[in-house]
Amino acid sequence: MSPLPTFALPIGDPAFVRDPYPLLAELRAGTPAFYDPEMNRVVLTRHADISALLRDRRLGRSALHRYSRDELGWPPPDPRQATFDAFNANHLLDSEPPKHTRLRALVGLAFTPRRVEALGPRIEAILSEQLRGLGDTFDLVTDYAEPLPVTVIAELLGVPPEERAQLRPWSAAIVRLYEPAPTAQDQAGAERAVSEFSALLRDLARQRRTKPQGDLITALVHAEQHGDRLSEQELIDTCILLLNAGHEASVNGLSAGVLALLRRRAHWETLVRAAPAAGSLPTFRLAVEELLRFDTPLPLFERIALDPVTVGGAELQPGDRVSLLYASGNRDPERFGAPDELRLERDPNPHLTFGLGLHYCLGAPLARLELGLSLRALCRTFPGLRLADPDADPVYTGGFVIRGLSRLDVTAG
């Protein structure tokens, strides 16, 4: 690897997690590519570099389909996360062609845009019920942002109501292993979550083979292309991925977005005025794109070199890792006018939040629908919504690969 400036990104510092943008601006201006010795990765900060790399097939999400660990110089797999690693090997996010092509085609037969758009009325009904249960003061994260996407994914998959309480804790435990330095406790929690969720899904899949229903598990069980079907393990791991990817961006995007709006009252009032109109959803969908750009819920993503390739001036060899700072690219002044300003009408808005290229997020349409409807319903029901303590620093969960508020106390005003 060619010499690069060295800098350790302080992803474990609560102050940085709370507000990474000043430091990211400094890095983007002066050190757009650097080597992080603690993560052992080249890190890219500029929109143009990140977007080009996301489309470069010399890099991917996995390299083990082409090389052995010995060939890559990687250590043996950690037996403490064997179940998690097996799960990662069987889903879309960490697969490469031809396996990725096959999985995406089969999952796409079941997870269609038509199926997603048809969820709109049900999402609005769930939101209406949630809002009726809120008091004058509530935690926006746990009382409003979290329940909807978990309920939607559970209903979409066909998970019975009595089995849904563990879905959010399972997902929270699993995604901890996507952080660069998970602890032994994180590993144990993820192993347990993958095992327990897999057992539930295996039972549901076997039921659907003999008694089909109108849910996504049934559709995945019976999805077929050219005589090919998902194996049971592929189906299970796909469903786990849909839970994780299907609600983390929604929960964290909505809570961070509402925080940004309540800190900029004029923007909140603009949406409140638009909310009652029957045809206002496009306004909210446009606002959602800007909120996802302005405060990115998935700030850091990774790619692995599959071939020798130059990245940011560094000569990478197969197995070398690159971290892409989506949060930095989304504030790049070379791509966005006034990037540190929240502009709800920004259009076009080529943010990086859902990725680009082969691994563009399959669940992006569902996240966008949920976010637009959730934000509109909140504006309609609580037009006077305010932060319960405007002077308090927001508290985050501590992760940076998946960055979100742990709570956000608000009052109906």
Protein backbone atom coordinates (compact mmCIF):
# COMPACT_ATOMS: atom_id res chain seq x y z
CA MET A 1 0.00 0.00 0.00
CA SER A 2 1.48 3.37 -1.05
CA PRO A 3 2.14 5.94 1.70
CA LEU A 4 -0.83 8.08 2.62
CA PRO A 5 -1.39 10.59 5.40
CA THR A 6 -2.17 8.69 8.59
CA PHE A 7 -5.13 9.62 10.76
CA ALA A 8 -7.19 7.65 13.27
CA LEU A 9 -10.84 8.56 12.88
CA PRO A 10 -12.22 8.97 16.45
CA ILE A 11 -15.30 6.83 15.89
CA GLY A 12 -15.41 5.87 19.57
CA ASP A 13 -15.48 9.47 20.80
CA PRO A 14 -19.04 10.45 21.83
CA ALA A 15 -18.38 14.07 20.86
CA PHE A 16 -17.41 13.01 17.33
CA VAL A 17 -20.39 10.66 17.02
CA ARG A 18 -22.68 13.48 18.18
CA ASP A 19 -21.34 15.92 15.57
CA PRO A 20 -18.81 14.49 13.10
CA TYR A 21 -19.26 17.17 10.46
CA PRO A 22 -16.65 19.81 11.45
CA LEU A 23 -13.87 17.20 11.49
CA LEU A 24 -15.15 15.61 8.28
CA ALA A 25 -15.02 19.02 6.58
CA GLU A 26 -11.39 19.47 7.64
CA LEU A 27 -10.45 16.02 6.35
CA ARG A 28 -12.34 16.48 3.09
CA ALA A 29 -10.54 19.78 2.43
CA GLY A 30 -7.05 18.82 3.48
CA THR A 31 -6.80 15.02 3.68
CA PRO A 32 -9.41 13.58 1.30
CA ALA A 33 -7.80 10.12 1.46
CA PHE A 34 -5.90 8.77 4.46
CA TYR A 35 -4.85 5.55 6.13
CA ASP A 36 -6.49 4.76 9.48
CA PRO A 37 -4.09 2.48 11.40
CA GLU A 38 -6.67 1.53 14.02
CA MET A 39 -9.20 0.31 11.46
CA ASN A 40 -6.42 -0.77 9.03
CA ARG A 41 -8.25 0.85 6.13
CA VAL A 42 -7.85 3.53 3.53
CA VAL A 43 -10.60 6.11 4.15
CA LEU A 44 -12.20 8.29 1.46
CA THR A 45 -14.09 11.50 2.23
CA ARG A 46 -15.07 13.13 -1.11
CA HIS A 47 -18.31 12.48 -2.98
CA ALA A 48 -16.65 11.99 -6.38
CA ASP A 49 -14.16 9.44 -5.04
CA ILE A 50 -16.79 7.53 -3.09
CA SER A 51 -19.32 7.39 -5.92
CA ALA A 52 -16.65 6.26 -8.41
CA LEU A 53 -15.46 3.51 -6.09
CA LEU A 54 -19.00 2.26 -5.43
CA ARG A 55 -19.31 1.57 -9.17
CA ASP A 56 -15.83 0.06 -9.54
CA ARG A 57 -16.11 -3.72 -9.86
CA ARG A 58 -12.47 -4.12 -8.81
CA LEU A 59 -13.83 -3.71 -5.28
CA GLY A 60 -16.68 -5.51 -3.56
CA ARG A 61 -18.31 -6.36 -0.27
CA SER A 62 -16.56 -9.72 -0.04
CA ALA A 63 -13.37 -11.29 -1.38
CA LEU A 64 -13.75 -14.86 -0.14
CA HIS A 65 -15.53 -15.94 -3.33
CA ARG A 66 -12.23 -15.30 -5.14
CA TYR A 67 -9.49 -15.96 -2.59
CA SER A 68 -8.80 -18.01 0.50
CA ARG A 69 -8.00 -16.31 3.80
CA ASP A 70 -4.40 -17.47 3.48
CA GLU A 71 -4.10 -15.88 0.04
CA LEU A 72 -5.48 -12.62 1.42
CA GLY A 73 -3.32 -12.71 4.52
CA TRP A 74 -6.41 -12.63 6.71
CA PRO A 75 -6.49 -14.34 10.12
CA PRO A 76 -8.65 -17.45 10.58
CA PRO A 77 -12.35 -16.81 11.23
CA ASP A 78 -13.23 -16.01 14.83
CA PRO A 79 -15.10 -19.01 16.26
CA ARG A 80 -16.91 -16.67 18.64
CA GLN A 81 -18.96 -15.33 15.71
CA ALA A 82 -19.28 -18.40 13.51
CA THR A 83 -23.07 -18.16 13.27
CA PHE A 84 -22.91 -14.47 12.33
CA ASP A 85 -20.23 -15.14 9.70
CA ALA A 86 -22.35 -17.93 8.18
CA PHE A 87 -25.31 -15.54 8.04
CA ASN A 88 -23.15 -12.92 6.29
CA ALA A 89 -22.08 -15.45 3.68
CA ASN A 90 -25.64 -16.13 2.52
CA HIS A 91 -27.27 -12.74 1.99
CA LEU A 92 -27.17 -9.98 -0.62
CA LEU A 93 -25.19 -7.37 1.26
CA ASP A 94 -21.94 -9.34 1.48
CA SER A 95 -22.26 -11.41 -1.70
CA GLU A 96 -20.67 -10.75 -5.08
CA PRO A 97 -21.58 -11.96 -8.58
CA PRO A 98 -22.55 -14.50 -9.66
CA LYS A 99 -24.10 -15.30 -6.28
CA HIS A 100 -25.29 -11.73 -5.71
CA THR A 101 -26.91 -11.65 -9.16
CA ARG A 102 -28.79 -14.87 -8.46
CA LEU A 103 -29.93 -13.84 -4.95
CA ARG A 104 -31.04 -10.36 -6.01
CA ALA A 105 -33.06 -11.77 -8.91
CA LEU A 106 -34.84 -14.28 -6.69
CA VAL A 107 -35.48 -11.82 -3.84
CA GLY A 108 -36.62 -9.23 -6.38
CA LEU A 109 -39.39 -11.58 -7.53
CA ALA A 110 -40.90 -11.36 -4.05
CA PHE A 111 -39.81 -7.89 -2.82
CA THR A 112 -41.36 -5.92 -5.67
CA PRO A 113 -42.02 -2.15 -5.96
CA ARG A 114 -45.72 -2.96 -6.30
CA ARG A 115 -45.67 -4.89 -3.01
CA VAL A 116 -43.91 -1.96 -1.30
CA GLU A 117 -46.26 0.75 -2.63
CA ALA A 118 -49.27 -1.34 -1.63
CA LEU A 119 -48.14 -1.01 1.99
CA GLY A 120 -49.00 2.71 2.07
CA PRO A 121 -52.53 2.45 3.54
CA ARG A 122 -51.40 -0.09 6.14
CA ILE A 123 -48.47 2.13 7.14
CA GLU A 124 -50.82 5.07 7.62
CA ALA A 125 -53.14 2.94 9.77
CA ILE A 126 -50.23 1.83 11.98
CA LEU A 127 -49.06 5.44 12.33
CA SER A 128 -52.55 6.60 13.30
CA GLU A 129 -52.73 3.98 16.02
CA GLN A 130 -49.25 4.87 17.31
CA LEU A 131 -49.98 8.58 17.45
CA ARG A 132 -53.19 8.05 19.43
CA GLY A 133 -51.17 6.33 22.13
CA LEU A 134 -48.65 9.14 22.65
CA GLY A 135 -48.85 11.56 25.58
CA ASP A 136 -47.91 15.22 25.79
CA THR A 137 -44.24 14.28 26.21
CA PHE A 138 -42.67 11.18 24.68
CA ASP A 139 -39.44 9.66 23.41
CA LEU A 140 -39.56 10.04 19.65
CA VAL A 141 -37.12 7.14 19.12
CA THR A 142 -38.71 4.34 21.12
CA ASP A 143 -42.32 5.56 21.11
CA TYR A 144 -42.62 6.61 17.46
CA ALA A 145 -39.62 5.98 15.18
CA GLU A 146 -38.94 2.37 16.19
CA PRO A 147 -42.35 0.65 16.24
CA LEU A 148 -43.44 1.40 12.65
CA PRO A 149 -40.62 -0.14 10.57
CA VAL A 150 -40.39 -3.17 12.86
CA THR A 151 -44.15 -3.71 12.59
CA VAL A 152 -44.09 -3.23 8.82
CA ILE A 153 -41.22 -5.68 8.29
CA ALA A 154 -42.86 -8.17 10.67
CA GLU A 155 -46.17 -7.97 8.80
CA LEU A 156 -44.43 -8.05 5.44
CA LEU A 157 -42.50 -11.18 6.37
CA GLY A 158 -45.46 -12.77 8.14
CA VAL A 159 -44.01 -12.94 11.67
CA PRO A 160 -46.90 -13.56 14.11
CA PRO A 161 -47.66 -10.71 16.56
CA GLU A 162 -46.67 -12.78 19.58
CA GLU A 163 -43.16 -13.27 18.13
CA ARG A 164 -42.41 -9.62 17.27
CA ALA A 165 -41.15 -8.25 20.59
CA GLN A 166 -37.64 -9.62 19.99
CA LEU A 167 -37.20 -8.31 16.43
CA ARG A 168 -35.77 -4.90 17.34
CA PRO A 169 -33.43 -6.27 20.09
CA TRP A 170 -32.24 -9.00 17.70
CA SER A 171 -31.49 -6.45 15.00
CA ALA A 172 -29.72 -4.09 17.41
CA ALA A 173 -27.51 -6.97 18.59
CA ILE A 174 -26.69 -8.16 15.06
CA VAL A 175 -25.70 -4.77 13.66
CA ARG A 176 -23.18 -4.22 16.46
CA LEU A 177 -20.85 -6.56 14.56
CA TYR A 178 -20.74 -4.17 11.62
CA GLU A 179 -18.78 -1.70 13.77
CA PRO A 180 -14.98 -1.84 13.26
CA ALA A 181 -14.09 -3.08 16.77
CA PRO A 182 -16.88 -5.20 18.29
CA THR A 183 -16.36 -6.51 21.80
CA ALA A 184 -16.65 -10.11 22.98
CA GLN A 185 -20.01 -9.12 24.48
CA ASP A 186 -21.11 -7.78 21.08
CA GLN A 187 -20.10 -11.06 19.45
CA ALA A 188 -22.01 -13.14 21.99
CA GLY A 189 -25.11 -10.98 21.60
CA ALA A 190 -25.04 -11.20 17.81
CA GLU A 191 -24.51 -14.96 17.85
CA ARG A 192 -27.49 -15.43 20.12
CA ALA A 193 -29.67 -13.07 18.05
CA VAL A 194 -28.85 -14.76 14.72
CA SER A 195 -29.48 -18.21 16.21
CA GLU A 196 -32.81 -17.30 17.79
CA PHE A 197 -34.09 -15.37 14.77
CA SER A 198 -32.99 -18.17 12.44
CA ALA A 199 -34.92 -20.73 14.47
CA LEU A 200 -38.09 -18.66 14.24
CA LEU A 201 -37.72 -18.08 10.49
CA ARG A 202 -36.91 -21.73 9.79
CA ASP A 203 -40.13 -22.75 11.50
CA LEU A 204 -42.17 -20.14 9.59
CA ALA A 205 -40.61 -21.10 6.24
CA ARG A 206 -41.46 -24.75 6.77
CA GLN A 207 -45.05 -23.81 7.63
CA ARG A 208 -45.35 -21.69 4.47
CA ARG A 209 -44.18 -24.54 2.24
CA THR A 210 -47.30 -26.50 3.12
CA LYS A 211 -49.67 -23.64 4.03
CA PRO A 212 -48.89 -20.60 1.86
CA GLN A 213 -50.05 -17.16 3.00
CA GLY A 214 -49.92 -13.72 1.44
CA ASP A 215 -46.65 -12.72 3.07
CA LEU A 216 -43.05 -12.24 1.96
CA ILE A 217 -41.80 -15.49 3.49
CA THR A 218 -44.33 -17.37 1.37
CA ALA A 219 -43.25 -15.39 -1.69
CA LEU A 220 -39.58 -16.14 -0.99
CA VAL A 221 -40.29 -19.83 -0.38
CA HIS A 222 -41.93 -20.08 -3.78
CA ALA A 223 -39.78 -17.60 -5.73
CA GLU A 224 -38.29 -19.42 -8.71
CA GLN A 225 -36.27 -18.40 -11.75
CA HIS A 226 -35.15 -20.86 -14.41
CA GLY A 227 -35.79 -23.72 -12.00
CA ASP A 228 -33.69 -22.11 -9.26
CA ARG A 229 -34.95 -21.34 -5.76
CA LEU A 230 -33.49 -19.97 -2.55
CA SER A 231 -32.13 -22.61 -0.21
CA GLU A 232 -33.63 -22.64 3.26
CA GLN A 233 -30.52 -20.99 4.71
CA GLU A 234 -30.46 -18.31 1.99
CA LEU A 235 -34.12 -17.57 2.68
CA ILE A 236 -33.52 -17.28 6.43
CA ASP A 237 -30.49 -15.03 6.05
CA THR A 238 -32.29 -12.86 3.49
CA CYS A 239 -35.14 -12.31 5.94
CA ILE A 240 -32.73 -11.35 8.72
CA LEU A 241 -31.05 -8.88 6.39
CA LEU A 242 -34.43 -7.41 5.43
CA LEU A 243 -35.18 -6.81 9.11
CA ASN A 244 -31.82 -5.15 9.77
CA ALA A 245 -31.64 -3.08 6.59
CA GLY A 246 -35.38 -2.51 6.52
CA HIS A 247 -35.62 -0.52 9.69
CA GLU A 248 -32.23 0.83 10.85
CA ALA A 249 -32.23 3.60 8.22
CA SER A 250 -35.89 4.38 8.93
CA VAL A 251 -35.50 4.60 12.72
CA ASN A 252 -32.28 6.60 12.68
CA GLY A 253 -33.21 8.69 9.66
CA LEU A 254 -36.53 9.81 11.12
CA SER A 255 -35.25 10.61 14.61
CA ALA A 256 -32.19 12.51 13.33
CA GLY A 257 -34.36 14.26 10.75
CA VAL A 258 -36.91 15.44 13.31
CA LEU A 259 -34.07 16.67 15.54
CA ALA A 260 -32.66 18.69 12.63
CA LEU A 261 -36.10 20.16 11.85
CA LEU A 262 -36.92 21.10 15.45
CA ARG A 263 -33.57 22.86 15.73
CA ARG A 264 -34.50 24.85 12.61
CA ARG A 265 -38.03 25.88 13.42
CA ALA A 266 -38.79 27.56 10.11
CA HIS A 267 -38.27 24.26 8.28
CA TRP A 268 -40.58 22.42 10.67
CA GLU A 269 -43.25 25.08 10.18
CA THR A 270 -42.91 24.77 6.39
CA LEU A 271 -43.73 21.07 6.59
CA VAL A 272 -46.54 21.64 9.09
CA ARG A 273 -48.20 24.02 6.65
CA ALA A 274 -47.88 21.49 3.83
CA ALA A 275 -49.01 18.44 5.83
CA PRO A 276 -52.82 18.77 5.71
CA ALA A 277 -52.99 18.73 1.91
CA ALA A 278 -54.08 15.39 0.43
CA GLY A 279 -51.36 15.58 -2.24
CA SER A 280 -48.53 16.58 0.10
CA LEU A 281 -46.61 13.30 0.12
CA PRO A 282 -44.21 14.34 -2.70
CA THR A 283 -43.23 17.38 -0.60
CA PHE A 284 -42.38 15.11 2.31
CA ARG A 285 -40.52 12.62 0.13
CA LEU A 286 -38.36 15.45 -1.19
CA ALA A 287 -37.73 16.63 2.38
CA VAL A 288 -36.76 13.10 3.41
CA GLU A 289 -34.04 12.99 0.74
CA GLU A 290 -32.53 16.16 2.18
CA LEU A 291 -32.78 14.93 5.77
CA LEU A 292 -31.00 11.69 4.80
CA ARG A 293 -28.25 13.74 3.16
CA PHE A 294 -27.95 16.31 5.93
CA ASP A 295 -27.50 13.85 8.80
CA THR A 296 -26.59 10.45 7.41
CA PRO A 297 -27.86 7.44 9.42
CA LEU A 298 -25.27 5.09 7.83
CA PRO A 299 -22.11 7.24 7.82
CA LEU A 300 -19.42 4.64 7.10
CA PHE A 301 -19.46 1.75 4.62
CA GLU A 302 -16.74 -0.62 3.51
CA ARG A 303 -15.41 -2.16 0.31
CA ILE A 304 -12.68 -4.77 -0.22
CA ALA A 305 -10.20 -4.81 -3.09
CA LEU A 306 -10.73 -7.78 -5.41
CA ASP A 307 -7.94 -6.83 -7.82
CA PRO A 308 -4.89 -4.56 -7.58
CA VAL A 309 -6.33 -1.05 -7.71
CA THR A 310 -5.26 2.51 -6.90
CA VAL A 311 -7.58 4.20 -4.41
CA GLY A 312 -6.90 7.75 -3.24
CA GLY A 313 -3.29 7.44 -4.32
CA ALA A 314 -2.79 4.16 -2.47
CA GLU A 315 -1.91 0.94 -4.29
CA LEU A 316 -4.29 -1.66 -2.89
CA GLN A 317 -3.90 -5.41 -3.19
CA PRO A 318 -6.71 -8.01 -2.98
CA GLY A 319 -8.08 -8.14 0.55
CA ASP A 320 -7.20 -4.54 1.45
CA ARG A 321 -10.15 -2.65 2.87
CA VAL A 322 -11.51 0.82 2.08
CA SER A 323 -13.89 2.80 4.26
CA LEU A 324 -16.23 5.22 2.53
CA LEU A 325 -17.40 8.17 4.60
CA TYR A 326 -20.91 8.62 3.23
CA ALA A 327 -21.52 11.31 5.86
CA SER A 328 -18.61 13.32 4.48
CA GLY A 329 -19.53 12.81 0.82
CA ASN A 330 -23.06 13.97 1.61
CA ARG A 331 -21.66 17.31 2.81
CA ASP A 332 -19.17 17.78 -0.04
CA PRO A 333 -19.32 21.38 -1.39
CA GLU A 334 -18.04 20.11 -4.75
CA ARG A 335 -21.32 18.22 -5.16
CA PHE A 336 -23.86 20.16 -3.09
CA GLY A 337 -24.46 23.89 -2.89
CA ALA A 338 -24.37 25.16 0.72
CA PRO A 339 -23.91 21.57 1.99
CA ASP A 340 -24.11 22.49 5.68
CA GLU A 341 -27.51 24.11 5.21
CA LEU A 342 -30.75 22.15 5.40
CA ARG A 343 -32.67 22.86 2.18
CA LEU A 344 -35.86 20.82 2.07
CA GLU A 345 -36.51 21.67 -1.58
CA ARG A 346 -33.06 20.51 -2.76
CA ASP A 347 -33.51 18.77 -6.11
CA PRO A 348 -31.65 16.94 -7.54
CA ASN A 349 -30.16 15.43 -4.41
CA PRO A 350 -27.55 12.79 -5.30
CA HIS A 351 -26.81 11.72 -1.73
CA LEU A 352 -24.97 8.51 -1.00
CA THR A 353 -27.11 7.25 1.88
CA PHE A 354 -28.48 4.17 0.09
CA GLY A 355 -25.24 3.48 -1.80
CA LEU A 356 -24.75 3.19 -5.55
CA GLY A 357 -24.09 0.54 -8.14
CA LEU A 358 -24.44 -3.20 -7.64
CA HIS A 359 -25.12 -2.98 -3.91
CA TYR A 360 -27.65 -0.14 -4.02
CA CYS A 361 -30.04 -0.73 -1.12
CA LEU A 362 -32.89 -3.06 -2.07
CA GLY A 363 -35.01 -1.65 0.77
CA ALA A 364 -34.60 2.03 -0.20
CA PRO A 365 -38.16 2.36 -1.63
CA LEU A 366 -39.68 1.01 1.60
CA ALA A 367 -37.51 3.28 3.78
CA ARG A 368 -38.48 6.31 1.70
CA LEU A 369 -42.18 5.46 1.91
CA GLU A 370 -42.05 4.92 5.68
CA LEU A 371 -40.08 8.11 6.30
CA GLY A 372 -42.32 10.29 4.16
CA LEU A 373 -45.54 9.00 5.72
CA SER A 374 -44.12 9.06 9.27
CA LEU A 375 -42.93 12.64 9.00
CA ARG A 376 -46.19 13.86 7.46
CA ALA A 377 -48.30 12.13 10.12
CA LEU A 378 -46.18 13.64 12.88
CA CYS A 379 -46.54 17.15 11.41
CA ARG A 380 -50.30 16.73 11.08
CA THR A 381 -50.81 15.41 14.61
CA PHE A 382 -48.31 17.52 16.55
CA PRO A 383 -47.79 20.80 14.67
CA GLY A 384 -46.42 22.42 17.83
CA LEU A 385 -43.89 19.65 18.51
CA ARG A 386 -40.78 20.84 20.35
CA LEU A 387 -37.69 19.42 22.01
CA ALA A 388 -38.39 18.78 25.69
CA ASP A 389 -34.98 20.26 26.58
CA PRO A 390 -33.60 22.34 23.70
CA ASP A 391 -30.28 22.88 25.49
CA ALA A 392 -29.53 19.20 26.15
CA ASP A 393 -27.00 17.36 24.00
CA PRO A 394 -28.64 14.49 22.12
CA VAL A 395 -27.57 11.03 23.26
CA TYR A 396 -26.45 8.54 20.60
CA THR A 397 -26.19 4.77 20.76
CA GLY A 398 -22.41 4.92 20.29
CA GLY A 399 -22.11 3.24 16.90
CA PHE A 400 -20.79 5.07 13.85
CA VAL A 401 -21.24 2.58 11.02
CA ILE A 402 -24.91 2.70 12.03
CA ARG A 403 -25.40 6.00 13.84
CA GLY A 404 -28.58 6.81 15.70
CA LEU A 405 -30.07 8.55 18.68
CA SER A 406 -30.75 6.40 21.72
CA ARG A 407 -33.62 8.72 22.71
CA LEU A 408 -35.11 12.08 21.80
CA ASP A 409 -37.56 13.55 24.30
CA VAL A 410 -40.15 15.83 22.70
CA THR A 411 -43.27 17.61 23.84
CA ALA A 412 -46.45 18.14 21.86
CA GLY A 413 -46.14 21.89 22.48
